[in-house]
N, C-alpha and C. Protein backbone atom coordinates (compact mmCIF):
# COMPACT_ATOMS: atom_id res chain seq x y z
N MET A 1 0.85 -1.17 0.00
CA MET A 1 0.00 0.00 0.00
C MET A 1 0.89 1.23 0.00
N ALA A 2 0.74 2.10 1.01
CA ALA A 2 1.46 3.36 1.04
C ALA A 2 2.57 3.33 2.08
N LYS A 3 3.12 2.13 2.35
CA LYS A 3 4.13 1.99 3.40
C LYS A 3 5.36 2.85 3.12
N SER A 4 5.73 3.01 1.84
CA SER A 4 6.94 3.74 1.51
C SER A 4 6.72 5.25 1.51
N VAL A 5 5.48 5.70 1.65
CA VAL A 5 5.19 7.13 1.68
C VAL A 5 5.37 7.64 3.11
N HIS A 6 6.22 8.65 3.25
CA HIS A 6 6.46 9.23 4.57
C HIS A 6 5.85 10.63 4.64
N LEU A 7 5.21 10.91 5.75
CA LEU A 7 4.68 12.24 6.01
C LEU A 7 5.76 13.02 6.75
N GLU A 8 6.12 14.19 6.23
CA GLU A 8 7.14 15.01 6.89
C GLU A 8 6.69 15.38 8.30
N GLU A 9 5.45 15.80 8.41
CA GLU A 9 4.89 16.12 9.71
C GLU A 9 3.40 15.82 9.68
N PHE A 10 2.91 15.38 10.83
CA PHE A 10 1.49 15.06 10.94
C PHE A 10 1.05 15.53 12.32
N ASP A 11 0.39 16.68 12.33
CA ASP A 11 -0.03 17.31 13.59
C ASP A 11 -1.54 17.42 13.66
N LEU A 12 -2.09 16.93 14.74
CA LEU A 12 -3.52 17.03 15.00
C LEU A 12 -3.71 17.56 16.42
N GLU A 13 -4.59 18.51 16.58
CA GLU A 13 -4.89 19.07 17.90
C GLU A 13 -6.39 19.04 18.11
N ASP A 14 -6.85 18.07 18.90
CA ASP A 14 -8.28 17.90 19.17
C ASP A 14 -9.08 17.89 17.86
N SER A 15 -8.59 17.15 16.88
CA SER A 15 -9.20 17.10 15.55
C SER A 15 -10.25 16.01 15.47
N ASN A 16 -11.32 16.28 14.72
CA ASN A 16 -12.33 15.24 14.50
C ASN A 16 -11.91 14.38 13.30
N MET A 17 -12.64 13.33 13.03
CA MET A 17 -12.23 12.38 11.98
C MET A 17 -12.21 13.01 10.59
N SER A 18 -13.09 13.95 10.32
CA SER A 18 -13.06 14.63 9.02
C SER A 18 -11.77 15.43 8.87
N GLU A 19 -11.35 16.08 9.95
CA GLU A 19 -10.09 16.83 9.93
C GLU A 19 -8.89 15.89 9.81
N VAL A 20 -8.97 14.73 10.44
CA VAL A 20 -7.91 13.72 10.32
C VAL A 20 -7.74 13.32 8.86
N VAL A 21 -8.86 13.05 8.18
CA VAL A 21 -8.81 12.68 6.77
C VAL A 21 -8.17 13.80 5.95
N GLU A 22 -8.57 15.04 6.20
CA GLU A 22 -8.00 16.18 5.46
C GLU A 22 -6.49 16.26 5.66
N ARG A 23 -6.01 16.10 6.91
CA ARG A 23 -4.58 16.19 7.19
C ARG A 23 -3.81 15.03 6.56
N LEU A 24 -4.38 13.83 6.63
CA LEU A 24 -3.73 12.68 5.99
C LEU A 24 -3.64 12.89 4.48
N GLN A 25 -4.72 13.34 3.87
CA GLN A 25 -4.71 13.56 2.42
C GLN A 25 -3.72 14.65 2.05
N HIS A 26 -3.69 15.72 2.84
CA HIS A 26 -2.74 16.80 2.59
C HIS A 26 -1.30 16.28 2.66
N GLY A 27 -1.00 15.48 3.68
CA GLY A 27 0.34 14.91 3.80
C GLY A 27 0.68 13.99 2.64
N LEU A 28 -0.28 13.19 2.21
CA LEU A 28 -0.07 12.30 1.07
C LEU A 28 0.13 13.10 -0.20
N ASP A 29 -0.66 14.14 -0.40
CA ASP A 29 -0.52 14.99 -1.59
C ASP A 29 0.85 15.65 -1.63
N ARG A 30 1.36 16.08 -0.48
CA ARG A 30 2.69 16.69 -0.43
C ARG A 30 3.79 15.66 -0.67
N ALA A 31 3.59 14.44 -0.17
CA ALA A 31 4.61 13.39 -0.31
C ALA A 31 4.69 12.85 -1.73
N ILE A 32 3.57 12.87 -2.44
CA ILE A 32 3.53 12.35 -3.81
C ILE A 32 2.90 13.41 -4.71
N PRO A 33 3.62 14.51 -4.97
CA PRO A 33 3.03 15.55 -5.82
C PRO A 33 3.00 15.12 -7.29
N ASN A 34 2.00 15.57 -7.98
CA ASN A 34 1.89 15.37 -9.43
C ASN A 34 1.89 13.92 -9.87
N LYS A 35 1.45 13.01 -9.02
CA LYS A 35 1.36 11.60 -9.39
C LYS A 35 0.01 11.06 -8.95
N THR A 36 -0.39 9.97 -9.56
CA THR A 36 -1.60 9.30 -9.11
C THR A 36 -1.34 8.72 -7.73
N ARG A 37 -2.23 8.98 -6.83
CA ARG A 37 -2.06 8.50 -5.45
C ARG A 37 -3.43 8.12 -4.90
N PRO A 38 -3.44 7.32 -3.85
CA PRO A 38 -4.72 6.95 -3.25
C PRO A 38 -5.44 8.18 -2.69
N GLN A 39 -6.72 8.10 -2.64
CA GLN A 39 -7.53 9.11 -1.98
C GLN A 39 -7.93 8.57 -0.61
N ILE A 40 -7.92 9.44 0.38
CA ILE A 40 -8.27 9.04 1.74
C ILE A 40 -9.65 9.61 2.03
N ARG A 41 -10.50 8.79 2.64
CA ARG A 41 -11.86 9.23 2.93
C ARG A 41 -12.39 8.51 4.17
N LEU A 42 -13.50 8.99 4.67
CA LEU A 42 -14.22 8.27 5.71
C LEU A 42 -15.04 7.18 5.03
N ALA A 43 -15.03 6.00 5.59
CA ALA A 43 -15.80 4.89 5.02
C ALA A 43 -17.29 5.15 5.17
N LYS A 44 -18.05 4.54 4.27
CA LYS A 44 -19.51 4.74 4.28
C LYS A 44 -20.16 4.27 5.58
N GLU A 45 -19.50 3.38 6.32
CA GLU A 45 -20.06 2.90 7.58
C GLU A 45 -20.31 4.03 8.59
N TRP A 46 -19.56 5.13 8.46
CA TRP A 46 -19.74 6.27 9.37
C TRP A 46 -21.13 6.89 9.22
N SER A 47 -21.77 6.68 8.07
CA SER A 47 -23.07 7.33 7.83
C SER A 47 -24.23 6.63 8.52
N ASP A 48 -23.97 5.53 9.21
CA ASP A 48 -25.03 4.80 9.91
C ASP A 48 -24.80 4.88 11.42
N PRO A 49 -25.28 5.96 12.07
CA PRO A 49 -25.04 6.13 13.50
C PRO A 49 -25.63 5.01 14.35
N ALA A 50 -26.64 4.34 13.85
CA ALA A 50 -27.21 3.22 14.61
C ALA A 50 -26.19 2.10 14.77
N LYS A 51 -25.33 1.93 13.76
CA LYS A 51 -24.29 0.90 13.83
C LYS A 51 -23.07 1.38 14.60
N THR A 52 -22.64 2.60 14.33
CA THR A 52 -21.38 3.08 14.90
C THR A 52 -21.54 3.66 16.29
N GLN A 53 -22.71 4.13 16.63
CA GLN A 53 -23.01 4.74 17.92
C GLN A 53 -22.20 6.01 18.19
N ARG A 54 -21.62 6.58 17.15
CA ARG A 54 -20.90 7.85 17.27
C ARG A 54 -20.75 8.43 15.87
N SER A 55 -20.47 9.72 15.82
CA SER A 55 -20.28 10.37 14.53
C SER A 55 -18.81 10.75 14.38
N PRO A 56 -18.36 11.01 13.15
CA PRO A 56 -16.97 11.43 12.95
C PRO A 56 -16.62 12.68 13.74
N ALA A 57 -17.60 13.54 13.98
CA ALA A 57 -17.35 14.77 14.74
C ALA A 57 -17.10 14.49 16.22
N ASP A 58 -17.59 13.35 16.71
CA ASP A 58 -17.43 13.01 18.13
C ASP A 58 -16.06 12.42 18.45
N VAL A 59 -15.39 11.89 17.45
CA VAL A 59 -14.10 11.22 17.65
C VAL A 59 -13.01 12.29 17.57
N ARG A 60 -12.20 12.43 18.62
CA ARG A 60 -11.19 13.48 18.68
C ARG A 60 -9.79 12.89 18.78
N VAL A 61 -8.83 13.56 18.11
CA VAL A 61 -7.46 13.07 18.06
C VAL A 61 -6.49 14.23 18.29
N THR A 62 -5.50 13.99 19.14
CA THR A 62 -4.37 14.89 19.30
C THR A 62 -3.12 14.05 19.10
N LEU A 63 -2.31 14.44 18.13
CA LEU A 63 -1.13 13.66 17.77
C LEU A 63 -0.15 14.57 17.05
N GLY A 64 1.12 14.43 17.33
CA GLY A 64 2.16 15.17 16.62
C GLY A 64 3.35 14.27 16.37
N VAL A 65 3.60 13.95 15.11
CA VAL A 65 4.73 13.09 14.75
C VAL A 65 5.43 13.65 13.52
N ARG A 66 6.68 13.27 13.34
CA ARG A 66 7.49 13.73 12.21
C ARG A 66 8.06 12.55 11.46
N ASN A 67 8.22 12.72 10.15
CA ASN A 67 8.85 11.72 9.27
C ASN A 67 8.34 10.32 9.59
N ILE A 68 7.07 10.12 9.39
CA ILE A 68 6.42 8.86 9.73
C ILE A 68 5.78 8.25 8.49
N PRO A 69 5.87 6.93 8.33
CA PRO A 69 5.18 6.31 7.21
C PRO A 69 3.67 6.57 7.32
N LEU A 70 3.04 6.80 6.19
CA LEU A 70 1.60 7.05 6.16
C LEU A 70 0.83 5.94 6.87
N GLU A 71 1.19 4.71 6.59
CA GLU A 71 0.48 3.58 7.20
C GLU A 71 0.58 3.63 8.72
N LYS A 72 1.75 3.99 9.24
CA LYS A 72 1.93 4.07 10.69
C LYS A 72 1.10 5.21 11.28
N ALA A 73 1.02 6.34 10.59
CA ALA A 73 0.19 7.45 11.06
C ALA A 73 -1.27 7.01 11.15
N ILE A 74 -1.74 6.27 10.15
CA ILE A 74 -3.12 5.77 10.16
C ILE A 74 -3.30 4.78 11.31
N GLU A 75 -2.31 3.93 11.53
CA GLU A 75 -2.39 2.97 12.64
C GLU A 75 -2.45 3.69 13.99
N TYR A 76 -1.64 4.74 14.17
CA TYR A 76 -1.67 5.51 15.42
C TYR A 76 -3.06 6.10 15.65
N VAL A 77 -3.62 6.70 14.60
CA VAL A 77 -4.96 7.26 14.71
C VAL A 77 -5.94 6.16 15.10
N GLY A 78 -5.81 5.00 14.47
CA GLY A 78 -6.69 3.87 14.78
C GLY A 78 -6.58 3.43 16.23
N GLU A 79 -5.36 3.35 16.73
CA GLU A 79 -5.15 2.94 18.13
C GLU A 79 -5.75 3.95 19.10
N MET A 80 -5.62 5.23 18.78
CA MET A 80 -6.11 6.28 19.67
C MET A 80 -7.63 6.40 19.65
N THR A 81 -8.25 6.01 18.55
CA THR A 81 -9.69 6.26 18.37
C THR A 81 -10.52 4.99 18.24
N SER A 82 -9.87 3.84 18.33
CA SER A 82 -10.56 2.56 18.10
C SER A 82 -11.24 2.54 16.74
N THR A 83 -10.51 3.02 15.75
CA THR A 83 -11.00 2.99 14.38
C THR A 83 -10.08 2.10 13.55
N GLY A 84 -10.51 1.77 12.36
CA GLY A 84 -9.71 0.94 11.48
C GLY A 84 -9.58 1.57 10.11
N PHE A 85 -8.98 0.84 9.18
CA PHE A 85 -8.89 1.33 7.81
C PHE A 85 -8.81 0.14 6.87
N ARG A 86 -9.13 0.40 5.62
CA ARG A 86 -8.97 -0.61 4.59
C ARG A 86 -8.53 0.10 3.31
N TYR A 87 -7.86 -0.66 2.46
CA TYR A 87 -7.38 -0.14 1.19
C TYR A 87 -8.06 -0.93 0.09
N GLU A 88 -8.76 -0.22 -0.80
CA GLU A 88 -9.42 -0.90 -1.90
C GLU A 88 -9.65 0.08 -3.04
N ASP A 89 -9.39 -0.38 -4.24
CA ASP A 89 -9.67 0.40 -5.45
C ASP A 89 -9.13 1.83 -5.39
N GLY A 90 -7.90 2.00 -4.94
CA GLY A 90 -7.29 3.33 -4.91
C GLY A 90 -7.80 4.23 -3.81
N LEU A 91 -8.53 3.67 -2.86
CA LEU A 91 -9.05 4.45 -1.74
C LEU A 91 -8.53 3.88 -0.42
N ILE A 92 -8.18 4.76 0.48
CA ILE A 92 -7.90 4.37 1.85
C ILE A 92 -9.09 4.86 2.64
N SER A 93 -9.86 3.94 3.17
CA SER A 93 -11.08 4.29 3.90
C SER A 93 -10.87 4.11 5.39
N LEU A 94 -11.08 5.18 6.14
CA LEU A 94 -11.01 5.10 7.60
C LEU A 94 -12.38 4.65 8.09
N THR A 95 -12.39 3.57 8.85
CA THR A 95 -13.64 2.94 9.26
C THR A 95 -13.86 3.08 10.76
N PRO A 96 -15.12 3.16 11.17
CA PRO A 96 -15.38 3.08 12.61
C PRO A 96 -15.02 1.67 13.06
N SER A 97 -14.54 1.53 14.25
CA SER A 97 -14.15 0.19 14.71
C SER A 97 -15.40 -0.60 15.05
N LEU A 98 -15.93 -1.25 14.06
CA LEU A 98 -17.16 -1.99 14.25
C LEU A 98 -16.96 -3.16 15.19
N SER A 99 -15.70 -3.60 15.37
CA SER A 99 -15.46 -4.73 16.26
C SER A 99 -15.85 -4.39 17.70
N SER A 100 -15.83 -3.12 18.05
CA SER A 100 -16.24 -2.72 19.40
C SER A 100 -17.72 -3.00 19.64
N TRP A 101 -18.46 -3.13 18.56
CA TRP A 101 -19.90 -3.34 18.69
C TRP A 101 -20.29 -4.71 18.16
N GLY A 102 -19.36 -5.66 18.25
CA GLY A 102 -19.69 -7.03 17.91
C GLY A 102 -19.57 -7.38 16.44
N GLU A 103 -19.04 -6.49 15.64
CA GLU A 103 -18.88 -6.82 14.24
C GLU A 103 -17.43 -7.17 13.96
N ARG A 104 -17.11 -7.45 12.72
CA ARG A 104 -15.82 -8.02 12.37
C ARG A 104 -14.80 -6.97 11.99
N LYS A 105 -13.54 -7.23 12.36
CA LYS A 105 -12.44 -6.32 12.06
C LYS A 105 -11.63 -6.86 10.89
N ARG A 106 -11.22 -5.96 10.00
CA ARG A 106 -10.45 -6.33 8.82
C ARG A 106 -9.03 -5.77 8.90
N CYS A 107 -8.14 -6.49 8.25
CA CYS A 107 -6.79 -5.97 7.99
C CYS A 107 -6.91 -4.95 6.86
N ALA A 108 -5.88 -4.16 6.65
CA ALA A 108 -5.88 -3.20 5.55
C ALA A 108 -6.04 -3.88 4.20
N CYS A 109 -5.61 -5.14 4.09
CA CYS A 109 -5.73 -5.85 2.81
C CYS A 109 -7.14 -6.37 2.58
N GLY A 110 -8.00 -6.28 3.60
CA GLY A 110 -9.37 -6.73 3.45
C GLY A 110 -9.67 -8.07 4.10
N THR A 111 -8.66 -8.78 4.57
CA THR A 111 -8.86 -10.08 5.21
C THR A 111 -9.54 -9.89 6.56
N PHE A 112 -10.59 -10.67 6.82
CA PHE A 112 -11.21 -10.65 8.14
C PHE A 112 -10.26 -11.33 9.12
N LEU A 113 -9.90 -10.64 10.19
CA LEU A 113 -8.91 -11.16 11.12
C LEU A 113 -9.42 -12.37 11.90
N ASP A 114 -10.73 -12.47 12.09
CA ASP A 114 -11.25 -13.64 12.81
C ASP A 114 -11.27 -14.90 11.93
N GLU A 115 -11.12 -14.74 10.62
CA GLU A 115 -11.05 -15.90 9.72
C GLU A 115 -9.65 -16.46 9.64
N ASP A 116 -8.66 -15.63 9.89
CA ASP A 116 -7.26 -16.04 9.78
C ASP A 116 -6.49 -15.47 10.96
N PRO A 117 -6.58 -16.11 12.14
CA PRO A 117 -5.94 -15.57 13.34
C PRO A 117 -4.43 -15.41 13.21
N GLY A 118 -3.79 -16.17 12.32
CA GLY A 118 -2.35 -16.05 12.13
C GLY A 118 -1.99 -15.04 11.06
N HIS A 119 -2.97 -14.30 10.55
CA HIS A 119 -2.75 -13.34 9.48
C HIS A 119 -1.76 -12.26 9.92
N SER A 120 -0.81 -11.98 9.08
CA SER A 120 0.18 -10.96 9.38
C SER A 120 -0.16 -9.69 8.61
N GLY A 121 -0.16 -8.58 9.28
CA GLY A 121 -0.40 -7.31 8.62
C GLY A 121 0.85 -6.70 8.03
N ASP A 122 1.95 -7.48 8.02
CA ASP A 122 3.24 -6.97 7.54
C ASP A 122 3.38 -7.13 6.03
N HIS A 123 2.42 -6.66 5.30
CA HIS A 123 2.48 -6.74 3.84
C HIS A 123 1.92 -5.46 3.25
N GLU A 124 2.20 -5.28 1.97
CA GLU A 124 1.71 -4.07 1.30
C GLU A 124 0.47 -4.38 0.54
């Protein structure tokens, strides 16, 4: 995926998930100027508050890191907010952590982690 892409700086101060997406996309756009690159967005699951029990505006993040791989920045956000992500069709979708509400968690490659407990996320 975008493991080789490094963000020079990634600063968030009490940012909601929409702002997180904007900052990630901005960092990606700066890291890969004038080239085709993935688009980062909130996954469609966020639009169903009955499932997620929270909105993107309710999730807050404060983080400041330098020279970090894009994937690691997304993982940090996920750890801090109990959210996930997946990569498909040129999109990086930030997902609400549905596993907190009894649903299934996926690796970035799309594999359901409960189907393959030995699955390694150390791949692109």
